[in-house]
PDB file of N, CA and C in Angstrom:
ATOM      1  N   UNK A   1     -47.707  89.624  29.012  1.00  0.00           N
ATOM      2  CA  UNK A   1     -48.463  88.848  28.016  1.00  0.00           C
ATOM      3  C   UNK A   1     -47.869  87.465  27.792  1.00  0.00           C
ATOM      4  N   UNK A   2     -48.777  86.620  27.388  1.00  0.00           N
ATOM      5  CA  UNK A   2     -48.406  85.204  27.206  1.00  0.00           C
ATOM      6  C   UNK A   2     -49.293  84.579  26.188  1.00  0.00           C
ATOM      7  N   UNK A   3     -48.967  83.340  25.866  1.00  0.00           N
ATOM      8  CA  UNK A   3     -49.902  82.585  24.965  1.00  0.00           C
ATOM      9  C   UNK A   3     -49.893  81.168  25.439  1.00  0.00           C
ATOM     10  N   UNK A   4     -51.097  80.592  25.493  1.00  0.00           N
ATOM     11  CA  UNK A   4     -51.331  79.236  25.952  1.00  0.00           C
ATOM     12  C   UNK A   4     -50.811  78.287  24.901  1.00  0.00           C
ATOM     13  N   UNK A   5     -49.960  77.420  25.421  1.00  0.00           N
ATOM     14  CA  UNK A   5     -49.370  76.317  24.396  1.00  0.00           C
ATOM     15  C   UNK A   5     -50.135  75.070  24.490  1.00  0.00           C
ATOM     16  N   UNK A   6     -50.539  74.731  25.632  1.00  0.00           N
ATOM     17  CA  UNK A   6     -51.281  73.461  25.915  1.00  0.00           C
ATOM     18  C   UNK A   6     -51.540  73.261  27.386  1.00  0.00           C
ATOM     19  N   UNK A   7     -51.689  71.986  27.831  1.00  0.00           N
ATOM     20  CA  UNK A   7     -52.029  71.653  29.123  1.00  0.00           C
ATOM     21  C   UNK A   7     -51.201  70.519  29.638  1.00  0.00           C
ATOM     22  N   UNK A   8     -50.964  70.567  30.996  1.00  0.00           N
ATOM     23  CA  UNK A   8     -50.259  69.519  31.688  1.00  0.00           C
ATOM     24  C   UNK A   8     -51.298  68.665  32.335  1.00  0.00           C
ATOM     25  N   UNK A   9     -51.822  67.690  31.703  1.00  0.00           N
ATOM     26  CA  UNK A   9     -52.904  66.900  32.211  1.00  0.00           C
ATOM     27  C   UNK A   9     -52.527  65.439  32.353  1.00  0.00           C
ATOM     28  N   UNK A  10     -51.308  65.147  32.677  1.00  0.00           N
ATOM     29  CA  UNK A  10     -50.865  63.761  32.763  1.00  0.00           C
ATOM     30  C   UNK A  10     -51.636  63.014  33.937  1.00  0.00           C
ATOM     31  N   UNK A  11     -51.975  63.757  34.938  1.00  0.00           N
ATOM     32  CA  UNK A  11     -52.695  63.077  36.066  1.00  0.00           C
ATOM     33  C   UNK A  11     -54.217  63.054  35.776  1.00  0.00           C
ATOM     34  N   UNK A  12     -54.646  63.564  34.702  1.00  0.00           N
ATOM     35  CA  UNK A  12     -56.062  63.558  34.279  1.00  0.00           C
ATOM     36  C   UNK A  12     -56.973  64.274  35.321  1.00  0.00           C
ATOM     37  N   UNK A  13     -56.401  65.224  36.055  1.00  0.00           N
ATOM     38  CA  UNK A  13     -57.165  65.953  37.066  1.00  0.00           C
ATOM     39  C   UNK A  13     -57.450  67.487  36.633  1.00  0.00           C
ATOM     40  N   UNK A  14     -57.229  67.756  35.500  1.00  0.00           N
ATOM     41  CA  UNK A  14     -57.420  69.207  35.011  1.00  0.00           C
ATOM     42  C   UNK A  14     -58.873  69.473  35.051  1.00  0.00           C
ATOM     43  N   UNK A  15     -59.294  70.522  35.602  1.00  0.00           N
ATOM     44  CA  UNK A  15     -60.756  70.883  35.660  1.00  0.00           C
ATOM     45  C   UNK A  15     -61.223  71.171  34.171  1.00  0.00           C
ATOM     46  N   UNK A  16     -62.403  70.718  33.884  1.00  0.00           N
ATOM     47  CA  UNK A  16     -62.991  70.932  32.597  1.00  0.00           C
ATOM     48  C   UNK A  16     -63.161  72.417  32.345  1.00  0.00           C
ATOM     49  N   UNK A  17     -63.452  73.138  33.374  1.00  0.00           N
ATOM     50  CA  UNK A  17     -63.769  74.536  33.263  1.00  0.00           C
ATOM     51  C   UNK A  17     -62.668  75.360  32.604  1.00  0.00           C
ATOM     52  N   UNK A  18     -61.506  74.884  32.584  1.00  0.00           N
ATOM     53  CA  UNK A  18     -60.334  75.680  31.899  1.00  0.00           C
ATOM     54  C   UNK A  18     -60.665  75.756  30.353  1.00  0.00           C
ATOM     55  N   UNK A  19     -61.054  74.613  29.809  1.00  0.00           N
ATOM     56  CA  UNK A  19     -61.389  74.662  28.377  1.00  0.00           C
ATOM     57  C   UNK A  19     -62.816  75.277  28.177  1.00  0.00           C
ATOM     58  N   UNK A  20     -63.729  75.047  29.040  1.00  0.00           N
ATOM     59  CA  UNK A  20     -65.087  75.643  28.867  1.00  0.00           C
ATOM     60  C   UNK A  20     -65.103  77.146  28.957  1.00  0.00           C
ATOM     61  N   UNK A  21     -64.108  77.707  29.632  1.00  0.00           N
ATOM     62  CA  UNK A  21     -64.066  79.186  29.702  1.00  0.00           C
ATOM     63  C   UNK A  21     -63.371  79.750  28.501  1.00  0.00           C
ATOM     64  N   UNK A  22     -62.753  78.951  27.600  1.00  0.00           N
ATOM     65  CA  UNK A  22     -62.197  79.483  26.391  1.00  0.00           C
ATOM     66  C   UNK A  22     -60.699  79.545  26.443  1.00  0.00           C
ATOM     67  N   UNK A  23     -60.096  78.977  27.483  1.00  0.00           N
ATOM     68  CA  UNK A  23     -58.552  79.072  27.593  1.00  0.00           C
ATOM     69  C   UNK A  23     -58.027  77.939  26.778  1.00  0.00           C
ATOM     70  N   UNK A  24     -58.037  78.128  25.419  1.00  0.00           N
ATOM     71  CA  UNK A  24     -57.568  77.139  24.426  1.00  0.00           C
ATOM     72  C   UNK A  24     -56.158  77.417  23.957  1.00  0.00           C
ATOM     73  N   UNK A  25     -55.522  76.290  23.458  1.00  0.00           N
ATOM     74  CA  UNK A  25     -54.074  76.605  22.929  1.00  0.00           C
ATOM     75  C   UNK A  25     -54.140  77.675  21.841  1.00  0.00           C
ATOM     76  N   UNK A  26     -53.056  78.384  21.815  1.00  0.00           N
ATOM     77  CA  UNK A  26     -52.887  79.498  20.890  1.00  0.00           C
ATOM     78  C   UNK A  26     -53.599  80.767  21.334  1.00  0.00           C
ATOM     79  N   UNK A  27     -54.267  80.743  22.442  1.00  0.00           N
ATOM     80  CA  UNK A  27     -54.934  81.972  22.953  1.00  0.00           C
ATOM     81  C   UNK A  27     -53.981  82.907  23.645  1.00  0.00           C
ATOM     82  N   UNK A  28     -53.943  84.130  23.329  1.00  0.00           N
ATOM     83  CA  UNK A  28     -53.180  85.169  23.972  1.00  0.00           C
ATOM     84  C   UNK A  28     -53.866  85.668  25.261  1.00  0.00           C
ATOM     85  N   UNK A  29     -53.009  86.081  26.201  1.00  0.00           N
ATOM     86  CA  UNK A  29     -53.626  86.487  27.490  1.00  0.00           C
ATOM     87  C   UNK A  29     -52.711  87.537  28.151  1.00  0.00           C
ATOM     88  N   UNK A  30     -53.246  88.227  29.130  1.00  0.00           N
ATOM     89  CA  UNK A  30     -52.379  88.936  29.995  1.00  0.00           C
ATOM     90  C   UNK A  30     -52.910  88.854  31.445  1.00  0.00           C
ATOM     91  N   UNK A  31     -52.101  88.874  32.401  1.00  0.00           N
ATOM     92  CA  UNK A  31     -52.455  88.899  33.841  1.00  0.00           C
ATOM     93  C   UNK A  31     -52.734  90.360  34.208  1.00  0.00           C
ATOM     94  N   UNK A  32     -53.860  90.589  34.671  1.00  0.00           N
ATOM     95  CA  UNK A  32     -54.214  91.959  35.149  1.00  0.00           C
ATOM     96  C   UNK A  32     -53.809  92.197  36.546  1.00  0.00           C
ATOM     97  N   UNK A  33     -54.060  91.173  37.364  1.00  0.00           N
ATOM     98  CA  UNK A  33     -53.805  91.350  38.823  1.00  0.00           C
ATOM     99  C   UNK A  33     -53.656  90.016  39.493  1.00  0.00           C
ATOM    100  N   UNK A  34     -52.745  89.962  40.417  1.00  0.00           N
ATOM    101  CA  UNK A  34     -52.490  88.763  41.193  1.00  0.00           C
ATOM    102  C   UNK A  34     -52.792  89.016  42.617  1.00  0.00           C
ATOM    103  N   UNK A  35     -53.887  88.400  43.168  1.00  0.00           N
ATOM    104  CA  UNK A  35     -54.272  88.680  44.530  1.00  0.00           C
ATOM    105  C   UNK A  35     -53.183  88.184  45.512  1.00  0.00           C
ATOM    106  N   UNK A  36     -52.953  88.833  46.623  1.00  0.00           N
ATOM    107  CA  UNK A  36     -51.981  88.430  47.539  1.00  0.00           C
ATOM    108  C   UNK A  36     -52.309  87.117  48.225  1.00  0.00           C
ATOM    109  N   UNK A  37     -51.272  86.604  48.976  1.00  0.00           N
ATOM    110  CA  UNK A  37     -51.490  85.307  49.697  1.00  0.00           C
ATOM    111  C   UNK A  37     -51.872  84.168  48.898  1.00  0.00           C
ATOM    112  N   UNK A  38     -51.371  83.994  47.691  1.00  0.00           N
ATOM    113  CA  UNK A  38     -51.629  82.920  46.754  1.00  0.00           C
ATOM    114  C   UNK A  38     -53.169  82.965  46.350  1.00  0.00           C
ATOM    115  N   UNK A  39     -53.715  84.102  46.264  1.00  0.00           N
ATOM    116  CA  UNK A  39     -55.077  84.284  45.875  1.00  0.00           C
ATOM    117  C   UNK A  39     -55.174  84.098  44.368  1.00  0.00           C
ATOM    118  N   UNK A  40     -56.320  84.327  43.763  1.00  0.00           N
ATOM    119  CA  UNK A  40     -56.506  84.104  42.352  1.00  0.00           C
ATOM    120  C   UNK A  40     -55.805  85.144  41.487  1.00  0.00           C
ATOM    121  N   UNK A  41     -55.541  84.825  40.299  1.00  0.00           N
ATOM    122  CA  UNK A  41     -55.050  85.847  39.349  1.00  0.00           C
ATOM    123  C   UNK A  41     -56.122  86.136  38.382  1.00  0.00           C
ATOM    124  N   UNK A  42     -56.229  87.473  37.966  1.00  0.00           N
ATOM    125  CA  UNK A  42     -57.312  87.944  37.167  1.00  0.00           C
ATOM    126  C   UNK A  42     -56.614  88.034  35.752  1.00  0.00           C
ATOM    127  N   UNK A  43     -57.233  87.390  34.809  1.00  0.00           N
ATOM    128  CA  UNK A  43     -56.712  87.157  33.371  1.00  0.00           C
ATOM    129  C   UNK A  43     -57.623  87.731  32.471  1.00  0.00           C
ATOM    130  N   UNK A  44     -57.037  88.529  31.375  1.00  0.00           N
ATOM    131  CA  UNK A  44     -57.822  88.887  30.324  1.00  0.00           C
ATOM    132  C   UNK A  44     -57.288  88.138  29.049  1.00  0.00           C
ATOM    133  N   UNK A  45     -58.200  87.616  28.232  1.00  0.00           N
ATOM    134  CA  UNK A  45     -57.749  86.768  27.019  1.00  0.00           C
ATOM    135  C   UNK A  45     -58.666  86.912  25.885  1.00  0.00           C
ATOM    136  N   UNK A  46     -58.163  86.537  24.746  1.00  0.00           N
ATOM    137  CA  UNK A  46     -58.942  86.423  23.548  1.00  0.00           C
ATOM    138  C   UNK A  46     -59.201  87.755  22.937  1.00  0.00           C
ATOM    139  N   UNK A  47     -59.689  87.746  21.621  1.00  0.00           N
ATOM    140  CA  UNK A  47     -60.013  88.937  20.963  1.00  0.00           C
ATOM    141  C   UNK A  47     -61.188  89.647  21.614  1.00  0.00           C
ATOM    142  N   UNK A  48     -62.066  89.053  22.341  1.00  0.00           N
ATOM    143  CA  UNK A  48     -63.215  89.679  23.079  1.00  0.00           C
ATOM    144  C   UNK A  48     -62.708  90.268  24.306  1.00  0.00           C
ATOM    145  N   UNK A  49     -61.532  90.094  24.704  1.00  0.00           N
ATOM    146  CA  UNK A  49     -61.038  90.605  26.036  1.00  0.00           C
ATOM    147  C   UNK A  49     -61.877  90.104  27.215  1.00  0.00           C
ATOM    148  N   UNK A  50     -62.172  88.828  27.187  1.00  0.00           N
ATOM    149  CA  UNK A  50     -62.782  88.216  28.274  1.00  0.00           C
ATOM    150  C   UNK A  50     -61.985  88.264  29.445  1.00  0.00           C
ATOM    151  N   UNK A  51     -62.569  88.318  30.637  1.00  0.00           N
ATOM    152  CA  UNK A  51     -61.850  88.366  31.948  1.00  0.00           C
ATOM    153  C   UNK A  51     -62.400  87.311  32.869  1.00  0.00           C
ATOM    154  N   UNK A  52     -61.446  86.603  33.464  1.00  0.00           N
ATOM    155  CA  UNK A  52     -61.835  85.624  34.461  1.00  0.00           C
ATOM    156  C   UNK A  52     -60.808  85.524  35.673  1.00  0.00           C
ATOM    157  N   UNK A  53     -61.137  84.943  36.692  1.00  0.00           N
ATOM    158  CA  UNK A  53     -60.229  84.705  37.913  1.00  0.00           C
ATOM    159  C   UNK A  53     -59.882  83.193  37.802  1.00  0.00           C
ATOM    160  N   UNK A  54     -58.574  82.923  37.953  1.00  0.00           N
ATOM    161  CA  UNK A  54     -58.129  81.586  38.028  1.00  0.00           C
ATOM    162  C   UNK A  54     -57.387  81.312  39.262  1.00  0.00           C
ATOM    163  N   UNK A  55     -57.676  80.261  39.984  1.00  0.00           N
ATOM    164  CA  UNK A  55     -56.927  79.854  41.152  1.00  0.00           C
ATOM    165  C   UNK A  55     -55.556  79.309  40.713  1.00  0.00           C
ATOM    166  N   UNK A  56     -54.556  79.394  41.687  1.00  0.00           N
ATOM    167  CA  UNK A  56     -53.299  78.865  41.288  1.00  0.00           C
ATOM    168  C   UNK A  56     -53.320  77.421  40.979  1.00  0.00           C
ATOM    169  N   UNK A  57     -54.138  76.629  41.622  1.00  0.00           N
ATOM    170  CA  UNK A  57     -54.299  75.161  41.239  1.00  0.00           C
ATOM    171  C   UNK A  57     -54.808  75.003  39.867  1.00  0.00           C
ATOM    172  N   UNK A  58     -55.605  75.848  39.346  1.00  0.00           N
ATOM    173  CA  UNK A  58     -56.131  75.737  37.998  1.00  0.00           C
ATOM    174  C   UNK A  58     -54.967  76.199  36.957  1.00  0.00           C
ATOM    175  N   UNK A  59     -54.361  77.358  37.349  1.00  0.00           N
ATOM    176  CA  UNK A  59     -53.326  77.753  36.462  1.00  0.00           C
ATOM    177  C   UNK A  59     -52.111  76.912  36.254  1.00  0.00           C
ATOM    178  N   UNK A  60     -51.872  75.981  37.267  1.00  0.00           N
ATOM    179  CA  UNK A  60     -50.790  75.084  37.182  1.00  0.00           C
ATOM    180  C   UNK A  60     -50.916  74.095  36.014  1.00  0.00           C
ATOM    181  N   UNK A  61     -52.191  73.878  35.582  1.00  0.00           N
ATOM    182  CA  UNK A  61     -52.358  72.949  34.365  1.00  0.00           C
ATOM    183  C   UNK A  61     -52.084  73.530  32.992  1.00  0.00           C
ATOM    184  N   UNK A  62     -51.918  74.814  32.969  1.00  0.00           N
ATOM    185  CA  UNK A  62     -51.757  75.595  31.658  1.00  0.00           C
ATOM    186  C   UNK A  62     -50.381  75.817  31.465  1.00  0.00           C
ATOM    187  N   UNK A  63     -49.844  75.373  30.298  1.00  0.00           N
ATOM    188  CA  UNK A  63     -48.499  75.558  29.760  1.00  0.00           C
ATOM    189  C   UNK A  63     -48.528  76.832  28.919  1.00  0.00           C
ATOM    190  N   UNK A  64     -47.705  77.779  29.266  1.00  0.00           N
ATOM    191  CA  UNK A  64     -47.714  79.073  28.637  1.00  0.00           C
ATOM    192  C   UNK A  64     -46.313  79.434  28.018  1.00  0.00           C
ATOM    193  N   UNK A  65     -46.368  80.336  27.074  1.00  0.00           N
ATOM    194  CA  UNK A  65     -45.074  80.949  26.473  1.00  0.00           C
ATOM    195  C   UNK A  65     -45.235  82.373  26.824  1.00  0.00           C
ATOM    196  N   UNK A  66     -44.226  82.923  27.402  1.00  0.00           N
ATOM    197  CA  UNK A  66     -44.168  84.377  27.686  1.00  0.00           C
ATOM    198  C   UNK A  66     -43.911  85.190  26.456  1.00  0.00           C
ATOM    199  N   UNK A  67     -44.723  86.187  26.149  1.00  0.00           N
ATOM    200  CA  UNK A  67     -44.581  87.129  25.078  1.00  0.00           C
ATOM    201  C   UNK A  67     -44.165  88.497  25.609  1.00  0.00           C
ATOM    202  N   UNK A  68     -43.285  89.146  24.863  1.00  0.00           N
ATOM    203  CA  UNK A  68     -42.930  90.486  25.296  1.00  0.00           C
ATOM    204  C   UNK A  68     -43.587  91.532  24.379  1.00  0.00           C
TER     205      UNK A  68
END
């Protein structure tokens, strides 16, 4: 489990789809599955339990806090 704190967008290259998908600050999430060989991770987030796949390159822009 984790919580999104913000974004690392210093290079201004963060894909807009991260925000458009609803991955906003203060959103709680959990990783359901990490595909092998640096494949996408499948994430469930929000009260609606939305599920998406994020590539590693997209996930690198998101600053998270680990929750136990």
